[in-house]
Amino acid sequence: MAIKTKISPQESQEVKKLLDGCKNVVVLTHYSPDGDAIGSSLAMWEYLKKKGKNATVIVPNYFPDFLKWMNGADAIVQFEKQKSLSYNLLNMADLVCVLDLGEASRLGDELGRVVKGLKRTKKLVIDHHIGPDKSLGNVVVSYPDSSSTCELLFRTFTAIGADNIITKSAAEDLYAGMYTDTGGFAYNSNDPDVFSIIAELLRKGIDKDRIVRNINNNFTAERFRLIGYVLYEKLMVFPDTHSSIYSLTADELGRFKYLKGDMEGVVNMPLQIRGHRLSISLREDMEKPVIWVSIRSYDDVSAKDMAERFFNGGGHFNAAGGHLENCSMEKAIEIAKSAIEAFREQLTK
């Protein structure tokens, strides 16, 4: 079965022109990058290298250890730790590829301002979030019905006739991003083309079982003790609204030797409770006065709307996030409870 590109002929032409005409490229993705962010960024990096371009991936901050097996991960530049190098690379770039985000704010304040300020540098945005800022790129490829940016990037490569030069490493990156952004294809992956794309990636020689092991079997023992602590001590369940909240302070995270990525996917666990429709995670940053919020929901309960109304955030309909600055954990919990109450009708119907 032929895979639909989704990408319009005009978009294909514009993307191809940008990618063919560039020489020095910076690939960017969002703050606290996840599997889809790193997977799409490294897949684009692999493609650009294959085309003979000078390409570098810059991420705003640290990314999880369980993604560092990917080819090229050791060459990723972290903006917060390597600002001088990042500024030099951005100033030399004739193209910036912005992946898995549609708003400059998701790059972080400083990096977002820098990118918006690059007036003479061409920008390509490829993203699957709702409501992208069209002014962020000269060309914006936005399809929110895609399972992941990695899926959309594969379709983009297909649309410009570049799928035949996708390397095995790039195929691994794309599969990893699709896998993580759909919870192992447990949600947002009913489009038959998703599995046709997987078949094409398998034809590139990837070992999907090894990729899954690299993602899922790459944690410390402390991570499991932390999850046990969350589920036994910290999980607040509200049966009348089919919802739950759990919170973790910086002190609690330190007690369990928290590493970036240790809480990946844990917010989904309460949704395994029979009838549950909403799960909210509140995690205090260990360095800044910020509480990070993750929201997961089922059916017609909009995590995105909740994130926007209560937590200065956004995201997908059933998977969203946000943050609360200079807020105590006690106050954050009260805000989360207020959010649940505001969505009581959707949660109980």
C-alpha atoms as a PDB file:
ATOM      1  CA  MET A   1       0.000   0.000   0.000  1.00  0.00           C
ATOM      2  CA  ALA A   2       1.362   3.421  -0.976  1.00  0.00           C
ATOM      3  CA  ILE A   3       1.978   5.784   1.917  1.00  0.00           C
ATOM      4  CA  LYS A   4       0.170   9.105   1.601  1.00  0.00           C
ATOM      5  CA  THR A   5       2.629  11.975   1.875  1.00  0.00           C
ATOM      6  CA  LYS A   6       0.086  14.417   3.478  1.00  0.00           C
ATOM      7  CA  ILE A   7       2.535  17.116   2.374  1.00  0.00           C
ATOM      8  CA  SER A   8       1.140  19.325  -0.386  1.00  0.00           C
ATOM      9  CA  PRO A   9       3.062  19.701  -3.677  1.00  0.00           C
ATOM     10  CA  GLN A  10       3.762  23.360  -2.839  1.00  0.00           C
ATOM     11  CA  GLU A  11       5.119  22.452   0.608  1.00  0.00           C
ATOM     12  CA  SER A  12       7.247  19.703  -0.933  1.00  0.00           C
ATOM     13  CA  GLN A  13       8.762  22.165  -3.389  1.00  0.00           C
ATOM     14  CA  GLU A  14       9.461  24.731  -0.699  1.00  0.00           C
ATOM     15  CA  VAL A  15      11.023  22.187   1.695  1.00  0.00           C
ATOM     16  CA  LYS A  16      13.193  20.713  -1.057  1.00  0.00           C
ATOM     17  CA  LYS A  17      14.382  24.164  -2.091  1.00  0.00           C
ATOM     18  CA  LEU A  18      15.411  25.008   1.473  1.00  0.00           C
ATOM     19  CA  LEU A  19      17.186  21.690   2.095  1.00  0.00           C
ATOM     20  CA  ASP A  20      18.960  21.695  -1.288  1.00  0.00           C
ATOM     21  CA  GLY A  21      20.015  25.340  -1.056  1.00  0.00           C
ATOM     22  CA  CYS A  22      21.542  25.358   2.417  1.00  0.00           C
ATOM     23  CA  LYS A  23      25.135  24.788   3.479  1.00  0.00           C
ATOM     24  CA  ASN A  24      25.355  25.358   7.245  1.00  0.00           C
ATOM     25  CA  VAL A  25      22.364  24.066   9.178  1.00  0.00           C
ATOM     26  CA  VAL A  26      21.311  24.072  12.827  1.00  0.00           C
ATOM     27  CA  VAL A  27      18.608  21.622  13.856  1.00  0.00           C
ATOM     28  CA  LEU A  28      16.646  22.710  16.938  1.00  0.00           C
ATOM     29  CA  THR A  29      14.024  21.108  19.116  1.00  0.00           C
ATOM     30  CA  HIS A  30      12.109  21.922  22.277  1.00  0.00           C
ATOM     31  CA  TYR A  31      13.085  22.355  25.924  1.00  0.00           C
ATOM     32  CA  SER A  32      13.355  19.065  27.849  1.00  0.00           C
ATOM     33  CA  PRO A  33      13.488  17.064  24.607  1.00  0.00           C
ATOM     34  CA  ASP A  34      11.763  13.690  24.461  1.00  0.00           C
ATOM     35  CA  GLY A  35      12.120  10.714  22.123  1.00  0.00           C
ATOM     36  CA  ASP A  36      10.252  12.346  19.248  1.00  0.00           C
ATOM     37  CA  ALA A  37      12.303  15.533  19.570  1.00  0.00           C
ATOM     38  CA  ILE A  38      15.675  13.762  19.634  1.00  0.00           C
ATOM     39  CA  GLY A  39      14.615  11.142  17.071  1.00  0.00           C
ATOM     40  CA  SER A  40      13.423  13.688  14.506  1.00  0.00           C
ATOM     41  CA  SER A  41      16.420  15.970  15.107  1.00  0.00           C
ATOM     42  CA  LEU A  42      18.982  13.201  14.614  1.00  0.00           C
ATOM     43  CA  ALA A  43      17.118  11.793  11.602  1.00  0.00           C
ATOM     44  CA  MET A  44      17.228  15.249   9.976  1.00  0.00           C
ATOM     45  CA  TRP A  45      20.916  15.547  10.938  1.00  0.00           C
ATOM     46  CA  GLU A  46      21.637  12.169   9.291  1.00  0.00           C
ATOM     47  CA  TYR A  47      19.810  13.263   6.124  1.00  0.00           C
ATOM     48  CA  LEU A  48      21.666  16.569   5.940  1.00  0.00           C
ATOM     49  CA  LYS A  49      25.031  14.843   6.438  1.00  0.00           C
ATOM     50  CA  LYS A  50      24.162  12.425   3.631  1.00  0.00           C
ATOM     51  CA  LYS A  51      23.470  15.452   1.425  1.00  0.00           C
ATOM     52  CA  GLY A  52      26.913  16.884   2.222  1.00  0.00           C
ATOM     53  CA  LYS A  53      25.704  19.697   4.482  1.00  0.00           C
ATOM     54  CA  ASN A  54      27.371  21.016   7.646  1.00  0.00           C
ATOM     55  CA  ALA A  55      24.745  20.233  10.282  1.00  0.00           C
ATOM     56  CA  THR A  56      24.566  20.427  14.072  1.00  0.00           C
ATOM     57  CA  VAL A  57      21.775  19.559  16.487  1.00  0.00           C
ATOM     58  CA  ILE A  58      21.292  22.015  19.349  1.00  0.00           C
ATOM     59  CA  VAL A  59      18.931  21.226  22.217  1.00  0.00           C
ATOM     60  CA  PRO A  60      17.968  23.815  24.850  1.00  0.00           C
ATOM     61  CA  ASN A  61      18.922  21.615  27.805  1.00  0.00           C
ATOM     62  CA  TYR A  62      19.772  18.112  28.961  1.00  0.00           C
ATOM     63  CA  PHE A  63      18.021  15.153  27.327  1.00  0.00           C
ATOM     64  CA  PRO A  64      17.318  11.724  28.879  1.00  0.00           C
ATOM     65  CA  ASP A  65      20.036   9.106  29.231  1.00  0.00           C
ATOM     66  CA  PHE A  66      17.805   6.448  27.648  1.00  0.00           C
ATOM     67  CA  LEU A  67      18.092   8.273  24.291  1.00  0.00           C
ATOM     68  CA  LYS A  68      21.892   8.520  24.250  1.00  0.00           C
ATOM     69  CA  TRP A  69      22.338   5.225  22.371  1.00  0.00           C
ATOM     70  CA  MET A  70      21.309   6.946  19.134  1.00  0.00           C
ATOM     71  CA  ASN A  71      23.967   7.569  16.518  1.00  0.00           C
ATOM     72  CA  GLY A  72      25.093  11.187  16.753  1.00  0.00           C
ATOM     73  CA  ALA A  73      23.671  11.777  20.232  1.00  0.00           C
ATOM     74  CA  ASP A  74      27.167  12.421  21.577  1.00  0.00           C
ATOM     75  CA  ALA A  75      27.560  15.322  19.121  1.00  0.00           C
ATOM     76  CA  ILE A  76      24.413  17.151  20.257  1.00  0.00           C
ATOM     77  CA  VAL A  77      25.138  20.631  21.622  1.00  0.00           C
ATOM     78  CA  GLN A  78      23.325  21.713  24.795  1.00  0.00           C
ATOM     79  CA  PHE A  79      22.525  25.416  24.647  1.00  0.00           C
ATOM     80  CA  GLU A  80      22.440  25.962  28.413  1.00  0.00           C
ATOM     81  CA  LYS A  81      25.934  24.476  28.827  1.00  0.00           C
ATOM     82  CA  GLN A  82      27.523  25.545  25.514  1.00  0.00           C
ATOM     83  CA  LYS A  83      26.134  29.010  24.839  1.00  0.00           C
ATOM     84  CA  SER A  84      29.186  30.459  23.069  1.00  0.00           C
ATOM     85  CA  LEU A  85      29.357  27.539  20.635  1.00  0.00           C
ATOM     86  CA  SER A  86      25.579  27.646  20.124  1.00  0.00           C
ATOM     87  CA  TYR A  87      25.607  31.361  19.286  1.00  0.00           C
ATOM     88  CA  ASN A  88      28.464  30.859  16.797  1.00  0.00           C
ATOM     89  CA  LEU A  89      26.675  27.983  15.066  1.00  0.00           C
ATOM     90  CA  LEU A  90      23.387  29.890  14.869  1.00  0.00           C
ATOM     91  CA  ASN A  91      25.079  33.007  13.518  1.00  0.00           C
ATOM     92  CA  MET A  92      26.815  30.969  10.791  1.00  0.00           C
ATOM     93  CA  ALA A  93      23.695  29.025   9.798  1.00  0.00           C
ATOM     94  CA  ASP A  94      21.927  29.743   6.535  1.00  0.00           C
ATOM     95  CA  LEU A  95      19.090  27.399   7.562  1.00  0.00           C
ATOM     96  CA  VAL A  96      17.562  26.538  10.925  1.00  0.00           C
ATOM     97  CA  CYS A  97      15.348  23.445  11.067  1.00  0.00           C
ATOM     98  CA  VAL A  98      12.904  23.633  13.972  1.00  0.00           C
ATOM     99  CA  LEU A  99      11.417  20.247  14.805  1.00  0.00           C
ATOM    100  CA  ASP A 100       8.665  19.062  17.173  1.00  0.00           C
ATOM    101  CA  LEU A 101       7.602  22.520  18.285  1.00  0.00           C
ATOM    102  CA  GLY A 102       5.495  25.299  16.840  1.00  0.00           C
ATOM    103  CA  GLU A 103       6.206  28.159  19.240  1.00  0.00           C
ATOM    104  CA  ALA A 104       9.520  29.872  19.942  1.00  0.00           C
ATOM    105  CA  SER A 105       8.718  29.888  23.665  1.00  0.00           C
ATOM    106  CA  ARG A 106       9.180  26.108  23.738  1.00  0.00           C
ATOM    107  CA  LEU A 107      12.872  26.643  23.004  1.00  0.00           C
ATOM    108  CA  GLY A 108      13.227  28.445  26.335  1.00  0.00           C
ATOM    109  CA  ASP A 109      13.326  32.208  26.780  1.00  0.00           C
ATOM    110  CA  GLU A 110      16.872  32.974  25.645  1.00  0.00           C
ATOM    111  CA  LEU A 111      17.160  30.501  22.767  1.00  0.00           C
ATOM    112  CA  GLY A 112      13.660  31.406  21.589  1.00  0.00           C
ATOM    113  CA  ARG A 113      14.626  35.097  21.412  1.00  0.00           C
ATOM    114  CA  VAL A 114      17.814  34.251  19.526  1.00  0.00           C
ATOM    115  CA  VAL A 115      15.970  32.207  16.907  1.00  0.00           C
ATOM    116  CA  LYS A 116      13.234  34.811  16.451  1.00  0.00           C
ATOM    117  CA  GLY A 117      15.990  37.400  16.007  1.00  0.00           C
ATOM    118  CA  LEU A 118      17.656  35.569  13.093  1.00  0.00           C
ATOM    119  CA  LYS A 119      15.886  37.673  10.479  1.00  0.00           C
ATOM    120  CA  ARG A 120      18.117  36.808   7.513  1.00  0.00           C
ATOM    121  CA  THR A 121      18.357  33.078   8.249  1.00  0.00           C
ATOM    122  CA  LYS A 122      15.868  30.786   6.535  1.00  0.00           C
ATOM    123  CA  LYS A 123      13.797  28.631   8.887  1.00  0.00           C
ATOM    124  CA  LEU A 124      11.975  25.356   8.293  1.00  0.00           C
ATOM    125  CA  VAL A 125       9.439  24.148  10.880  1.00  0.00           C
ATOM    126  CA  ILE A 126       8.161  20.557  10.908  1.00  0.00           C
ATOM    127  CA  ASP A 127       5.744  19.868  13.757  1.00  0.00           C
ATOM    128  CA  HIS A 128       2.613  17.972  14.760  1.00  0.00           C
ATOM    129  CA  HIS A 129       1.300  20.153  17.595  1.00  0.00           C
ATOM    130  CA  ILE A 130      -1.936  22.102  17.369  1.00  0.00           C
ATOM    131  CA  GLY A 131      -1.795  25.803  16.481  1.00  0.00           C
ATOM    132  CA  PRO A 132       1.803  26.489  15.372  1.00  0.00           C
ATOM    133  CA  ASP A 133       3.135  30.029  15.100  1.00  0.00           C
ATOM    134  CA  LYS A 134       3.318  30.443  11.329  1.00  0.00           C
ATOM    135  CA  SER A 135       5.733  33.359  11.721  1.00  0.00           C
ATOM    136  CA  LEU A 136       8.355  31.054  13.244  1.00  0.00           C
ATOM    137  CA  GLY A 137       9.415  29.636   9.866  1.00  0.00           C
ATOM    138  CA  ASN A 138       9.684  30.596   6.211  1.00  0.00           C
ATOM    139  CA  VAL A 139       8.153  27.184   5.568  1.00  0.00           C
ATOM    140  CA  VAL A 140       5.934  25.530   8.178  1.00  0.00           C
ATOM    141  CA  VAL A 141       4.916  21.893   7.701  1.00  0.00           C
ATOM    142  CA  SER A 142       2.214  21.321  10.314  1.00  0.00           C
ATOM    143  CA  TYR A 143      -0.063  18.273  10.502  1.00  0.00           C
ATOM    144  CA  PRO A 144      -1.466  17.822  14.027  1.00  0.00           C
ATOM    145  CA  ASP A 145      -3.154  14.553  13.080  1.00  0.00           C
ATOM    146  CA  SER A 146       0.265  12.908  12.738  1.00  0.00           C
ATOM    147  CA  SER A 147       1.264  10.507  15.501  1.00  0.00           C
ATOM    148  CA  SER A 148       4.626  12.207  15.914  1.00  0.00           C
ATOM    149  CA  THR A 149       7.038  14.593  14.280  1.00  0.00           C
ATOM    150  CA  CYS A 150       9.082  11.542  13.278  1.00  0.00           C
ATOM    151  CA  GLU A 151       6.118  10.205  11.289  1.00  0.00           C
ATOM    152  CA  LEU A 152       5.666  13.609   9.663  1.00  0.00           C
ATOM    153  CA  LEU A 153       9.386  13.858   8.890  1.00  0.00           C
ATOM    154  CA  PHE A 154       9.289  10.460   7.143  1.00  0.00           C
ATOM    155  CA  ARG A 155       6.332  11.678   5.069  1.00  0.00           C
ATOM    156  CA  THR A 156       8.289  14.858   4.292  1.00  0.00           C
ATOM    157  CA  PHE A 157      11.287  12.843   3.124  1.00  0.00           C
ATOM    158  CA  THR A 158       8.930  10.787   0.956  1.00  0.00           C
ATOM    159  CA  ALA A 159       7.296  13.915  -0.480  1.00  0.00           C
ATOM    160  CA  ILE A 160      10.649  15.383  -1.592  1.00  0.00           C
ATOM    161  CA  GLY A 161      11.887  12.055  -2.955  1.00  0.00           C
ATOM    162  CA  ALA A 162      14.481  11.580  -0.224  1.00  0.00           C
ATOM    163  CA  ASP A 163      13.162   8.422   1.437  1.00  0.00           C
ATOM    164  CA  ASN A 164      15.590   6.339  -0.625  1.00  0.00           C
ATOM    165  CA  ILE A 165      18.587   7.964   1.102  1.00  0.00           C
ATOM    166  CA  ILE A 166      17.361   7.510   4.674  1.00  0.00           C
ATOM    167  CA  THR A 167      20.191   5.704   6.471  1.00  0.00           C
ATOM    168  CA  LYS A 168      19.680   2.802   8.852  1.00  0.00           C
ATOM    169  CA  SER A 169      20.622   5.097  11.750  1.00  0.00           C
ATOM    170  CA  ALA A 170      18.043   7.682  10.656  1.00  0.00           C
ATOM    171  CA  ALA A 171      15.444   4.918  10.384  1.00  0.00           C
ATOM    172  CA  GLU A 172      16.252   3.894  13.969  1.00  0.00           C
ATOM    173  CA  ASP A 173      15.795   7.494  15.079  1.00  0.00           C
ATOM    174  CA  LEU A 174      12.427   7.765  13.326  1.00  0.00           C
ATOM    175  CA  TYR A 175      11.155   4.506  14.803  1.00  0.00           C
ATOM    176  CA  ALA A 176      12.279   5.528  18.303  1.00  0.00           C
ATOM    177  CA  GLY A 177      10.441   8.839  18.010  1.00  0.00           C
ATOM    178  CA  MET A 178       7.257   7.242  16.729  1.00  0.00           C
ATOM    179  CA  TYR A 179       7.416   4.568  19.441  1.00  0.00           C
ATOM    180  CA  THR A 180       7.922   6.976  22.346  1.00  0.00           C
ATOM    181  CA  ASP A 181       5.396   9.594  21.216  1.00  0.00           C
ATOM    182  CA  THR A 182       2.620   7.006  20.944  1.00  0.00           C
ATOM    183  CA  GLY A 183       3.406   5.156  24.179  1.00  0.00           C
ATOM    184  CA  GLY A 184       4.571   2.111  22.238  1.00  0.00           C
ATOM    185  CA  PHE A 185       1.743   2.619  19.679  1.00  0.00           C
ATOM    186  CA  ALA A 186      -0.846   2.509  22.471  1.00  0.00           C
ATOM    187  CA  TYR A 187      -2.432   5.832  21.467  1.00  0.00           C
ATOM    188  CA  ASN A 188      -2.645   8.330  18.598  1.00  0.00           C
ATOM    189  CA  SER A 189      -1.605   5.631  16.131  1.00  0.00           C
ATOM    190  CA  ASN A 190      -4.750   4.306  14.435  1.00  0.00           C
ATOM    191  CA  ASP A 191      -3.755   5.545  10.988  1.00  0.00           C
ATOM    192  CA  PRO A 192      -2.810   2.431   8.942  1.00  0.00           C
ATOM    193  CA  ASP A 193      -0.023   4.478   7.344  1.00  0.00           C
ATOM    194  CA  VAL A 194       1.785   4.544  10.696  1.00  0.00           C
ATOM    195  CA  PHE A 195       2.377   0.820  10.366  1.00  0.00           C
ATOM    196  CA  SER A 196       3.183   1.081   6.669  1.00  0.00           C
ATOM    197  CA  ILE A 197       5.909   3.553   7.634  1.00  0.00           C
ATOM    198  CA  ILE A 198       7.176   1.121  10.267  1.00  0.00           C
ATOM    199  CA  ALA A 199       7.367  -1.552   7.543  1.00  0.00           C
ATOM    200  CA  GLU A 200       9.470   0.809   5.417  1.00  0.00           C
ATOM    201  CA  LEU A 201      11.776   1.494   8.367  1.00  0.00           C
ATOM    202  CA  LEU A 202      12.162  -2.246   8.945  1.00  0.00           C
ATOM    203  CA  ARG A 203      13.214  -2.574   5.309  1.00  0.00           C
ATOM    204  CA  LYS A 204      16.084  -0.223   6.133  1.00  0.00           C
ATOM    205  CA  GLY A 205      17.409  -2.986   8.402  1.00  0.00           C
ATOM    206  CA  ILE A 206      16.453  -1.667  11.829  1.00  0.00           C
ATOM    207  CA  ASP A 207      16.027  -4.036  14.768  1.00  0.00           C
ATOM    208  CA  LYS A 208      12.886  -2.662  16.413  1.00  0.00           C
ATOM    209  CA  ASP A 209      13.171  -5.072  19.346  1.00  0.00           C
ATOM    210  CA  ARG A 210      16.646  -3.785  20.165  1.00  0.00           C
ATOM    211  CA  ILE A 211      15.433  -0.174  19.868  1.00  0.00           C
ATOM    212  CA  VAL A 212      12.615  -0.882  22.339  1.00  0.00           C
ATOM    213  CA  ARG A 213      15.077  -2.486  24.747  1.00  0.00           C
ATOM    214  CA  ASN A 214      17.390   0.515  24.441  1.00  0.00           C
ATOM    215  CA  ILE A 215      14.501   2.820  25.338  1.00  0.00           C
ATOM    216  CA  ASN A 216      12.789   0.778  28.056  1.00  0.00           C
ATOM    217  CA  ASN A 217      15.637  -1.186  29.658  1.00  0.00           C
ATOM    218  CA  ASN A 218      18.101   1.584  30.355  1.00  0.00           C
ATOM    219  CA  PHE A 219      17.354   2.863  33.867  1.00  0.00           C
ATOM    220  CA  THR A 220      18.877   2.718  37.328  1.00  0.00           C
ATOM    221  CA  ALA A 221      17.501   0.707  40.261  1.00  0.00           C
ATOM    222  CA  GLU A 222      16.757   4.023  41.988  1.00  0.00           C
ATOM    223  CA  ARG A 223      14.295   4.868  39.237  1.00  0.00           C
ATOM    224  CA  PHE A 224      12.149   1.867  40.140  1.00  0.00           C
ATOM    225  CA  ARG A 225      12.279   2.750  43.823  1.00  0.00           C
ATOM    226  CA  LEU A 226      11.169   6.275  42.892  1.00  0.00           C
ATOM    227  CA  ILE A 227       8.225   4.936  40.894  1.00  0.00           C
ATOM    228  CA  GLY A 228       7.281   2.677  43.795  1.00  0.00           C
ATOM    229  CA  TYR A 229       7.387   5.674  46.128  1.00  0.00           C
ATOM    230  CA  VAL A 230       5.158   7.675  43.785  1.00  0.00           C
ATOM    231  CA  LEU A 231       2.560   4.928  43.431  1.00  0.00           C
ATOM    232  CA  TYR A 232       2.503   3.955  47.118  1.00  0.00           C
ATOM    233  CA  GLU A 233       3.070   7.250  48.920  1.00  0.00           C
ATOM    234  CA  LYS A 234       2.304  10.153  46.591  1.00  0.00           C
ATOM    235  CA  LEU A 235      -0.587   9.151  44.326  1.00  0.00           C
ATOM    236  CA  MET A 236      -3.822  10.960  45.187  1.00  0.00           C
ATOM    237  CA  VAL A 237      -6.825   9.268  43.550  1.00  0.00           C
ATOM    238  CA  PHE A 238     -10.205  10.980  43.172  1.00  0.00           C
ATOM    239  CA  PRO A 239     -12.722   8.249  42.260  1.00  0.00           C
ATOM    240  CA  ASP A 240     -15.638  10.662  41.815  1.00  0.00           C
ATOM    241  CA  THR A 241     -13.847  12.451  38.942  1.00  0.00           C
ATOM    242  CA  HIS A 242     -11.875   9.420  37.651  1.00  0.00           C
ATOM    243  CA  SER A 243      -8.671  11.397  38.083  1.00  0.00           C
ATOM    244  CA  SER A 244      -5.430  11.516  40.030  1.00  0.00           C
ATOM    245  CA  ILE A 245      -2.543  13.780  40.981  1.00  0.00           C
ATOM    246  CA  TYR A 246       0.949  12.985  42.163  1.00  0.00           C
ATOM    247  CA  SER A 247       3.685  15.407  43.163  1.00  0.00           C
ATOM    248  CA  LEU A 248       7.442  15.222  43.666  1.00  0.00           C
ATOM    249  CA  THR A 249       9.584  17.879  45.331  1.00  0.00           C
ATOM    250  CA  ALA A 250      13.235  18.478  44.533  1.00  0.00           C
ATOM    251  CA  ASP A 251      14.175  16.955  47.902  1.00  0.00           C
ATOM    252  CA  GLU A 252      12.235  13.786  47.117  1.00  0.00           C
ATOM    253  CA  LEU A 253      13.840  13.524  43.685  1.00  0.00           C
ATOM    254  CA  GLY A 254      17.281  13.964  45.220  1.00  0.00           C
ATOM    255  CA  ARG A 255      16.555  11.238  47.753  1.00  0.00           C
ATOM    256  CA  PHE A 256      16.114   8.795  44.868  1.00  0.00           C
ATOM    257  CA  LYS A 257      19.083  10.143  42.843  1.00  0.00           C
ATOM    258  CA  TYR A 258      16.790  11.367  40.091  1.00  0.00           C
ATOM    259  CA  LEU A 259      18.172  11.490  36.556  1.00  0.00           C
ATOM    260  CA  LYS A 260      16.598  13.297  33.616  1.00  0.00           C
ATOM    261  CA  GLY A 261      14.058  10.935  32.057  1.00  0.00           C
ATOM    262  CA  ASP A 262      13.473   8.811  35.164  1.00  0.00           C
ATOM    263  CA  MET A 263       9.817   9.879  35.308  1.00  0.00           C
ATOM    264  CA  GLU A 264       9.219   9.373  31.591  1.00  0.00           C
ATOM    265  CA  GLY A 265       5.892   7.608  31.075  1.00  0.00           C
ATOM    266  CA  VAL A 266       4.990   7.430  34.772  1.00  0.00           C
ATOM    267  CA  VAL A 267       2.167   9.956  34.315  1.00  0.00           C
ATOM    268  CA  ASN A 268       0.437   7.367  32.101  1.00  0.00           C
ATOM    269  CA  MET A 269       0.388   4.697  34.825  1.00  0.00           C
ATOM    270  CA  PRO A 270      -2.649   5.964  36.795  1.00  0.00           C
ATOM    271  CA  LEU A 271      -4.695   5.740  33.604  1.00  0.00           C
ATOM    272  CA  GLN A 272      -4.524   1.962  34.049  1.00  0.00           C
ATOM    273  CA  ILE A 273      -6.954   2.346  36.972  1.00  0.00           C
ATOM    274  CA  ARG A 274     -10.364   1.124  35.824  1.00  0.00           C
ATOM    275  CA  GLY A 275     -12.463   4.058  34.600  1.00  0.00           C
ATOM    276  CA  HIS A 276      -9.656   6.607  35.024  1.00  0.00           C
ATOM    277  CA  ARG A 277      -9.713   9.513  32.564  1.00  0.00           C
ATOM    278  CA  LEU A 278      -7.124  11.986  33.825  1.00  0.00           C
ATOM    279  CA  SER A 279      -3.646  11.917  35.371  1.00  0.00           C
ATOM    280  CA  ILE A 280      -1.663  14.982  36.486  1.00  0.00           C
ATOM    281  CA  SER A 281       2.024  14.960  37.441  1.00  0.00           C
ATOM    282  CA  LEU A 282       3.667  17.818  39.359  1.00  0.00           C
ATOM    283  CA  ARG A 283       7.481  17.729  39.492  1.00  0.00           C
ATOM    284  CA  GLU A 284       9.649  20.378  41.084  1.00  0.00           C
ATOM    285  CA  ASP A 285      12.729  21.392  39.134  1.00  0.00           C
ATOM    286  CA  MET A 286      15.950  20.600  40.989  1.00  0.00           C
ATOM    287  CA  GLU A 287      17.695  23.816  39.906  1.00  0.00           C
ATOM    288  CA  LYS A 288      15.061  26.490  39.209  1.00  0.00           C
ATOM    289  CA  PRO A 289      11.908  27.666  41.040  1.00  0.00           C
ATOM    290  CA  VAL A 290       9.629  25.895  38.569  1.00  0.00           C
ATOM    291  CA  ILE A 291       7.132  23.056  38.881  1.00  0.00           C
ATOM    292  CA  TRP A 292       6.768  21.036  35.686  1.00  0.00           C
ATOM    293  CA  VAL A 293       3.304  19.738  34.915  1.00  0.00           C
ATOM    294  CA  SER A 294       2.385  16.738  32.754  1.00  0.00           C
ATOM    295  CA  ILE A 295      -1.216  15.876  31.918  1.00  0.00           C
ATOM    296  CA  ARG A 296      -2.607  12.751  30.270  1.00  0.00           C
ATOM    297  CA  SER A 297      -6.258  12.097  29.529  1.00  0.00           C
ATOM    298  CA  TYR A 298      -8.631   9.784  27.714  1.00  0.00           C
ATOM    299  CA  ASP A 299     -11.566  10.348  25.379  1.00  0.00           C
ATOM    300  CA  ASP A 300     -12.961  13.880  25.151  1.00  0.00           C
ATOM    301  CA  VAL A 301     -11.168  15.276  28.222  1.00  0.00           C
ATOM    302  CA  SER A 302      -8.809  17.892  26.769  1.00  0.00           C
ATOM    303  CA  ALA A 303      -5.403  17.851  28.442  1.00  0.00           C
ATOM    304  CA  LYS A 304      -4.408  20.685  26.113  1.00  0.00           C
ATOM    305  CA  ASP A 305      -7.220  22.965  27.305  1.00  0.00           C
ATOM    306  CA  MET A 306      -6.403  22.203  30.926  1.00  0.00           C
ATOM    307  CA  ALA A 307      -2.711  22.940  30.379  1.00  0.00           C
ATOM    308  CA  GLU A 308      -3.513  26.260  28.712  1.00  0.00           C
ATOM    309  CA  ARG A 309      -6.074  27.385  31.318  1.00  0.00           C
ATOM    310  CA  PHE A 310      -4.272  26.379  34.504  1.00  0.00           C
ATOM    311  CA  PHE A 311      -0.586  25.629  33.844  1.00  0.00           C
ATOM    312  CA  ASN A 312       0.779  28.127  31.275  1.00  0.00           C
ATOM    313  CA  GLY A 313       1.189  25.319  28.786  1.00  0.00           C
ATOM    314  CA  GLY A 314      -0.304  23.426  25.874  1.00  0.00           C
ATOM    315  CA  GLY A 315       0.261  20.336  23.758  1.00  0.00           C
ATOM    316  CA  HIS A 316      -1.901  17.634  22.238  1.00  0.00           C
ATOM    317  CA  PHE A 317      -5.549  16.968  22.995  1.00  0.00           C
ATOM    318  CA  ASN A 318      -4.850  14.019  25.331  1.00  0.00           C
ATOM    319  CA  ALA A 319      -1.197  14.693  26.207  1.00  0.00           C
ATOM    320  CA  ALA A 320      -0.081  18.117  27.346  1.00  0.00           C
ATOM    321  CA  GLY A 321       2.163  19.920  29.774  1.00  0.00           C
ATOM    322  CA  GLY A 322       2.971  23.224  31.376  1.00  0.00           C
ATOM    323  CA  HIS A 323       4.745  24.874  34.278  1.00  0.00           C
ATOM    324  CA  LEU A 324       4.189  26.968  37.375  1.00  0.00           C
ATOM    325  CA  GLU A 325       6.906  29.459  38.294  1.00  0.00           C
ATOM    326  CA  ASN A 326       7.697  30.546  41.871  1.00  0.00           C
ATOM    327  CA  CYS A 327       4.895  28.346  43.127  1.00  0.00           C
ATOM    328  CA  SER A 328       4.952  26.142  46.210  1.00  0.00           C
ATOM    329  CA  MET A 329       4.038  22.492  45.777  1.00  0.00           C
ATOM    330  CA  GLU A 330       1.087  22.956  48.124  1.00  0.00           C
ATOM    331  CA  LYS A 331      -0.260  25.717  45.886  1.00  0.00           C
ATOM    332  CA  ALA A 332       0.409  23.641  42.752  1.00  0.00           C
ATOM    333  CA  ILE A 333      -1.643  20.781  44.182  1.00  0.00           C
ATOM    334  CA  GLU A 334      -4.508  23.171  44.907  1.00  0.00           C
ATOM    335  CA  ILE A 335      -4.344  24.475  41.327  1.00  0.00           C
ATOM    336  CA  ALA A 336      -4.422  20.903  40.019  1.00  0.00           C
ATOM    337  CA  LYS A 337      -7.448  20.135  42.175  1.00  0.00           C
ATOM    338  CA  SER A 338      -9.149  23.279  40.848  1.00  0.00           C
ATOM    339  CA  ALA A 339      -8.385  22.163  37.295  1.00  0.00           C
ATOM    340  CA  ILE A 340      -9.993  18.785  37.942  1.00  0.00           C
ATOM    341  CA  GLU A 341     -13.067  20.469  39.410  1.00  0.00           C
ATOM    342  CA  ALA A 342     -13.322  22.767  36.391  1.00  0.00           C
ATOM    343  CA  PHE A 343     -13.370  19.705  34.120  1.00  0.00           C
ATOM    344  CA  ARG A 344     -15.743  17.696  36.329  1.00  0.00           C
ATOM    345  CA  GLU A 345     -18.487  17.568  33.685  1.00  0.00           C
ATOM    346  CA  GLN A 346     -16.176  16.096  31.024  1.00  0.00           C
ATOM    347  CA  LEU A 347     -14.611  13.701  33.528  1.00  0.00           C
ATOM    348  CA  THR A 348     -17.895  12.290  34.842  1.00  0.00           C
ATOM    349  CA  LYS A 349     -20.157  12.075  31.817  1.00  0.00           C
END
